[in-house]
C-alpha cells in the first residue's frame, strides 16, 4: 500500500530545504570573507613588519600608494564586470541570445559575471584598510556613510554592493520564491547599478579623466538603451498572438455564448 505525503508537508519540507541551503550559503560566504580578510591582513603584516616583507617590497615594487592603486584598479574592473552582468541579463530574453546560446550557459554566464563583480568589489573595499593616507576601518567599509573620504558617495557604493550580493544570492531562492517574486526582487539590480555608477562618478579620484568618463557614460548609455529596447519594443511583441499559418482555419466561435446545442453537421 502506497502512502502519499500531504501536499502541505511536502511544501514545508521544500521550503525548509531551501532555507537551509540559503543559510549554509550565507555562512560559507561570510566565512570566506573573514578568511580572506585574515589572509590579506596577515600578508600585509608580514610585508610591513618583517625583514622578509621589506625584501619582498623591494623586489615587487610595493610602496605607500600600492593599496590605493589596487583599490582603484579593482574598482574599475568590478564596474566593468557589473556592466557586463547587467547587459547580459538584459540580453537573455533577446532573439540573438535565445537562438544561439543554451539557456544553462546563459544563466551560468550571468551568475559568473555577477559574482566576479562582487569579488572585485570586495578587493576594492578591503584594499582601503591598508591605505596609509585615508585610515579606513572595517566599520567604515560595512556601515554606509561613516568613512573618512566623501562618505555620502562612498556610502552609495556600500549599499550598491549589498544589493548586488542580495540579487546574486537570490538565484538560490528562485524555486522557493517563485518566478514572479524572484523577478521583482531582481529588478533591484537596476538600483545597484545606478548607486554604483554614482559612487564611481562622484567618489573616484580619477573619475574626471576622459577615459573614466567614457567608461561611465558609455556603460550608462548601453544599459539605458537595452532597457528601453526590452521594455518598450520587445515586451509588447511577446504578448501578441501568433500569426495564422496559411491553410489553417481560425477556430469557429459559437453564435451564442451560453448555448449548449450541438452544431449541425454539414453534409
Protein backbone atom coordinates (compact mmCIF):
# COMPACT_ATOMS: atom_id res chain seq x y z
CA UNK A 1 0.00 0.00 0.00
CA UNK A 2 1.46 3.34 -1.08
CA UNK A 3 1.39 6.15 1.48
CA UNK A 4 1.26 9.63 -0.01
CA UNK A 5 2.55 12.57 1.99
CA UNK A 6 0.19 15.52 2.32
CA UNK A 7 0.87 18.33 -0.12
CA UNK A 8 1.35 20.84 2.70
CA UNK A 9 4.01 18.67 4.36
CA UNK A 10 5.89 18.36 1.07
CA UNK A 11 5.79 22.13 0.57
CA UNK A 12 7.07 22.78 4.11
CA UNK A 13 9.89 20.29 3.54
CA UNK A 14 10.90 22.04 0.32
CA UNK A 15 10.83 25.46 1.99
CA UNK A 16 12.95 24.14 4.87
CA UNK A 17 15.48 22.69 2.45
CA UNK A 18 15.68 25.97 0.55
CA UNK A 19 16.14 27.98 3.75
CA UNK A 20 18.84 25.58 4.93
CA UNK A 21 20.61 25.86 1.58
CA UNK A 22 20.44 29.65 1.68
CA UNK A 23 21.67 29.71 5.28
CA UNK A 24 24.63 27.46 4.51
CA UNK A 25 25.48 29.60 1.51
CA UNK A 26 25.46 32.81 3.57
CA UNK A 27 27.55 31.20 6.32
CA UNK A 28 30.10 29.98 3.77
CA UNK A 29 30.16 33.42 2.16
CA UNK A 30 30.81 35.14 5.50
CA UNK A 31 33.45 32.55 6.37
CA UNK A 32 35.17 33.15 3.04
CA UNK A 33 35.14 36.90 3.55
CA UNK A 34 36.56 36.53 7.08
CA UNK A 35 39.24 34.10 5.90
CA UNK A 36 40.16 36.42 3.04
CA UNK A 37 40.40 39.36 5.39
CA UNK A 38 42.67 37.42 7.75
CA UNK A 39 44.83 36.25 4.85
CA UNK A 40 45.20 39.73 3.43
CA UNK A 41 45.80 41.22 6.88
CA UNK A 42 48.42 38.61 7.74
CA UNK A 43 50.18 39.11 4.44
CA UNK A 44 50.16 42.87 4.91
CA UNK A 45 51.62 42.50 8.42
CA UNK A 46 54.42 40.34 7.04
CA UNK A 47 55.13 42.93 4.35
CA UNK A 48 55.26 45.88 6.73
CA UNK A 49 56.78 44.42 9.92
CA UNK A 50 59.39 41.85 8.92
CA UNK A 51 62.68 41.86 7.04
CA UNK A 52 61.23 39.31 4.63
CA UNK A 53 58.44 41.77 3.88
CA UNK A 54 60.94 44.55 3.23
CA UNK A 55 62.81 42.35 0.77
CA UNK A 56 59.57 41.37 -0.97
CA UNK A 57 58.54 45.02 -1.23
CA UNK A 58 61.81 45.92 -2.91
CA UNK A 59 61.50 43.01 -5.33
CA UNK A 60 57.84 43.59 -6.23
CA UNK A 61 57.94 47.38 -6.05
CA UNK A 62 55.35 47.84 -3.28
CA UNK A 63 55.20 51.36 -1.85
CA UNK A 64 52.86 53.54 0.20
CA UNK A 65 50.47 54.05 -2.73
CA UNK A 66 50.12 50.38 -3.71
CA UNK A 67 46.92 49.80 -1.71
CA UNK A 68 45.33 52.91 -3.21
CA UNK A 69 46.27 51.85 -6.74
CA UNK A 70 44.95 48.34 -6.08
CA UNK A 71 41.66 49.77 -4.81
CA UNK A 72 41.22 51.98 -7.87
CA UNK A 73 42.15 49.23 -10.33
CA UNK A 74 39.91 46.57 -8.76
CA UNK A 75 37.04 49.07 -8.53
CA UNK A 76 37.31 49.85 -12.23
CA UNK A 77 37.35 46.17 -13.20
CA UNK A 78 34.44 45.48 -10.83
CA UNK A 79 32.38 48.20 -12.51
CA UNK A 80 33.12 46.77 -15.96
CA UNK A 81 32.05 43.32 -14.73
CA UNK A 82 28.86 44.77 -13.23
CA UNK A 83 28.12 46.45 -16.55
CA UNK A 84 28.70 43.17 -18.40
CA UNK A 85 26.45 41.27 -15.97
CA UNK A 86 23.68 43.86 -16.33
CA UNK A 87 23.89 43.92 -20.11
CA UNK A 88 23.97 40.13 -20.32
CA UNK A 89 20.91 39.94 -18.08
CA UNK A 90 19.06 42.34 -20.37
CA UNK A 91 20.11 40.37 -23.46
CA UNK A 92 18.98 36.99 -22.13
CA UNK A 93 15.46 37.45 -23.48
CA UNK A 94 16.52 38.77 -26.88
CA UNK A 95 16.28 36.68 -30.03
CA UNK A 96 20.03 36.81 -30.59
CA UNK A 97 20.89 35.12 -27.29
CA UNK A 98 17.90 32.75 -27.23
CA UNK A 99 18.71 31.30 -30.65
CA UNK A 100 22.49 31.00 -30.27
CA UNK A 101 23.21 30.34 -26.58
CA UNK A 102 21.94 27.44 -24.47
CA UNK A 103 19.75 28.53 -21.51
CA UNK A 104 22.03 26.83 -18.96
CA UNK A 105 25.08 28.60 -20.37
CA UNK A 106 23.20 31.91 -20.42
CA UNK A 107 22.33 31.64 -16.73
CA UNK A 108 25.83 30.45 -15.81
CA UNK A 109 27.41 33.40 -17.59
CA UNK A 110 25.13 35.82 -15.75
CA UNK A 111 26.00 34.25 -12.39
CA UNK A 112 29.73 34.20 -13.07
CA UNK A 113 29.83 37.84 -14.15
CA UNK A 114 27.78 38.90 -11.13
CA UNK A 115 29.96 37.08 -8.61
CA UNK A 116 33.19 38.25 -10.24
CA UNK A 117 31.90 41.83 -9.91
CA UNK A 118 31.15 41.20 -6.22
CA UNK A 119 34.57 39.64 -5.56
CA UNK A 120 36.44 42.51 -7.22
CA UNK A 121 34.26 44.98 -5.30
CA UNK A 122 35.36 43.24 -2.11
CA UNK A 123 39.01 43.62 -3.12
CA UNK A 124 38.30 47.26 -3.95
CA UNK A 125 36.99 47.83 -0.42
CA UNK A 126 39.46 45.68 1.53
CA UNK A 127 42.45 47.36 -0.09
CA UNK A 128 41.42 50.60 1.63
CA UNK A 129 42.23 49.04 5.01
CA UNK A 130 45.91 49.16 4.09
CA UNK A 131 45.99 52.66 2.68
CA UNK A 132 48.30 54.99 4.62
CA UNK A 133 46.60 58.24 3.57
CA UNK A 134 42.92 57.62 4.37
CA UNK A 135 42.66 55.50 7.51
CA UNK A 136 39.70 53.21 6.88
CA UNK A 137 38.39 50.72 9.42
CA UNK A 138 36.21 47.63 8.98
CA UNK A 139 33.28 49.64 10.34
CA UNK A 140 33.78 52.27 7.60
CA UNK A 141 33.59 49.52 4.98
CA UNK A 142 30.45 47.78 6.24
CA UNK A 143 28.45 50.73 7.61
CA UNK A 144 27.47 53.25 4.90
CA UNK A 145 28.27 56.96 5.24
CA UNK A 146 30.89 56.55 8.00
CA UNK A 147 34.15 56.68 6.03
CA UNK A 148 36.75 59.45 6.14
CA UNK A 149 36.63 60.19 2.39
CA UNK A 150 33.47 61.53 0.69
CA UNK A 151 31.24 59.45 3.00
CA UNK A 152 27.99 60.16 1.12
CA UNK A 153 29.20 58.89 -2.25
CA UNK A 154 31.24 56.04 -0.79
CA UNK A 155 28.16 55.03 1.22
CA UNK A 156 26.18 54.67 -2.00
CA UNK A 157 28.77 52.18 -3.19
CA UNK A 158 28.46 50.16 0.03
CA UNK A 159 24.66 49.97 -0.35
CA UNK A 160 25.06 49.07 -4.02
CA UNK A 161 27.38 46.19 -3.05
CA UNK A 162 24.83 44.88 -0.55
CA UNK A 163 22.12 44.90 -3.22
CA UNK A 164 24.47 43.14 -5.66
CA UNK A 165 25.03 40.37 -3.11
CA UNK A 166 21.29 40.10 -2.42
CA UNK A 167 20.35 39.74 -6.09
CA UNK A 168 23.17 37.27 -6.74
CA UNK A 169 22.20 35.11 -3.75
CA UNK A 170 18.54 35.22 -4.84
CA UNK A 171 19.33 32.77 -7.66
CA UNK A 172 19.45 30.09 -4.97
CA UNK A 173 15.98 31.13 -3.78
CA UNK A 174 14.37 31.17 -7.21
CA UNK A 175 12.44 27.92 -6.81
CA UNK A 176 11.27 28.82 -3.32
CA UNK A 177 10.25 32.42 -4.14
CA UNK A 178 8.60 31.64 -7.44
CA UNK A 179 9.36 33.25 -10.78
CA UNK A 180 7.10 36.28 -10.20
CA UNK A 181 8.59 37.42 -6.87
CA UNK A 182 12.11 36.47 -7.88
CA UNK A 183 11.83 38.68 -10.97
CA UNK A 184 10.54 41.56 -8.86
CA UNK A 185 13.48 41.20 -6.49
CA UNK A 186 15.86 41.02 -9.44
CA UNK A 187 14.74 44.46 -10.60
CA UNK A 188 16.81 45.82 -7.70
CA UNK A 189 19.79 45.17 -9.97
CA UNK A 190 18.95 48.48 -11.65
CA UNK A 191 19.16 50.23 -8.28
CA UNK A 192 22.51 48.61 -7.54
CA UNK A 193 23.85 49.60 -10.95
CA UNK A 194 22.70 53.21 -10.51
CA UNK A 195 24.15 53.53 -7.00
CA UNK A 196 27.50 52.08 -8.06
CA UNK A 197 27.60 54.38 -11.10
CA UNK A 198 27.05 57.46 -8.93
CA UNK A 199 29.63 56.11 -6.48
CA UNK A 200 32.21 55.82 -9.23
CA UNK A 201 31.46 59.19 -10.78
CA UNK A 202 31.38 61.20 -7.56
CA UNK A 203 33.80 59.33 -5.27
CA UNK A 204 36.51 58.25 -7.71
CA UNK A 205 39.70 60.29 -7.53
CA UNK A 206 40.26 59.89 -11.27
CA UNK A 207 36.62 59.93 -12.39
CA UNK A 208 37.22 63.27 -14.11
CA UNK A 209 39.66 61.71 -16.58
CA UNK A 210 38.42 61.35 -20.14
CA UNK A 211 38.84 57.58 -20.17
CA UNK A 212 36.85 57.12 -16.97
CA UNK A 213 34.12 59.48 -18.18
CA UNK A 214 33.82 57.49 -21.40
CA UNK A 215 33.58 54.27 -19.41
CA UNK A 216 30.83 55.52 -17.08
CA UNK A 217 28.73 57.33 -19.68
CA UNK A 218 29.21 54.61 -22.30
CA UNK A 219 28.08 51.98 -19.79
CA UNK A 220 25.06 54.07 -18.76
CA UNK A 221 24.02 54.60 -22.38
CA UNK A 222 24.27 50.88 -23.19
CA UNK A 223 22.27 49.84 -20.12
CA UNK A 224 19.64 52.53 -20.70
CA UNK A 225 19.33 51.68 -24.39
CA UNK A 226 18.95 47.94 -23.83
CA UNK A 227 16.47 48.55 -21.01
CA UNK A 228 14.35 50.75 -23.28
CA UNK A 229 14.53 48.15 -26.06
CA UNK A 230 13.45 45.38 -23.71
CA UNK A 231 10.55 47.16 -22.03
CA UNK A 232 9.19 49.34 -24.86
CA UNK A 233 9.89 47.42 -28.05
CA UNK A 234 10.40 43.77 -27.26
CA UNK A 235 7.92 43.09 -24.45
CA UNK A 236 4.75 44.24 -26.27
CA UNK A 237 5.55 41.81 -29.08
CA UNK A 238 5.87 38.92 -26.65
CA UNK A 239 2.15 39.11 -25.82
CA UNK A 240 0.77 39.41 -29.35
CA UNK A 241 -1.00 36.27 -30.64
CA UNK A 242 0.94 34.18 -33.17
CA UNK A 243 0.01 34.74 -36.84
CA UNK A 244 -2.34 32.26 -38.51
CA UNK A 245 -0.43 29.93 -40.81
CA UNK A 246 -1.65 29.58 -44.41
CA UNK A 247 -4.06 26.70 -44.88
CA UNK A 248 -5.21 26.75 -41.27
CA UNK A 249 -8.72 27.88 -40.44
CA UNK A 250 -9.46 30.04 -37.44
CA UNK A 251 -11.49 28.19 -34.73
CA UNK A 252 -15.19 28.78 -35.10
CA UNK A 253 -16.95 30.79 -32.39
CA UNK A 254 -20.37 29.88 -31.15
CA UNK A 255 -23.07 32.38 -32.10
CA UNK A 256 -24.41 32.36 -28.54
CA UNK A 257 -22.02 32.18 -25.61
CA UNK A 258 -24.47 30.39 -23.35
CA UNK A 259 -25.89 28.00 -25.97
CA UNK A 260 -25.35 24.31 -25.29
CA UNK A 261 -26.93 22.98 -28.51
CA UNK A 262 -24.60 20.99 -30.76
CA UNK A 263 -23.79 22.49 -34.12
CA UNK A 264 -25.50 20.93 -37.11
CA UNK A 265 -23.30 18.51 -39.04
CA UNK A 266 -22.70 19.65 -42.61
CA UNK A 267 -23.18 17.11 -45.37
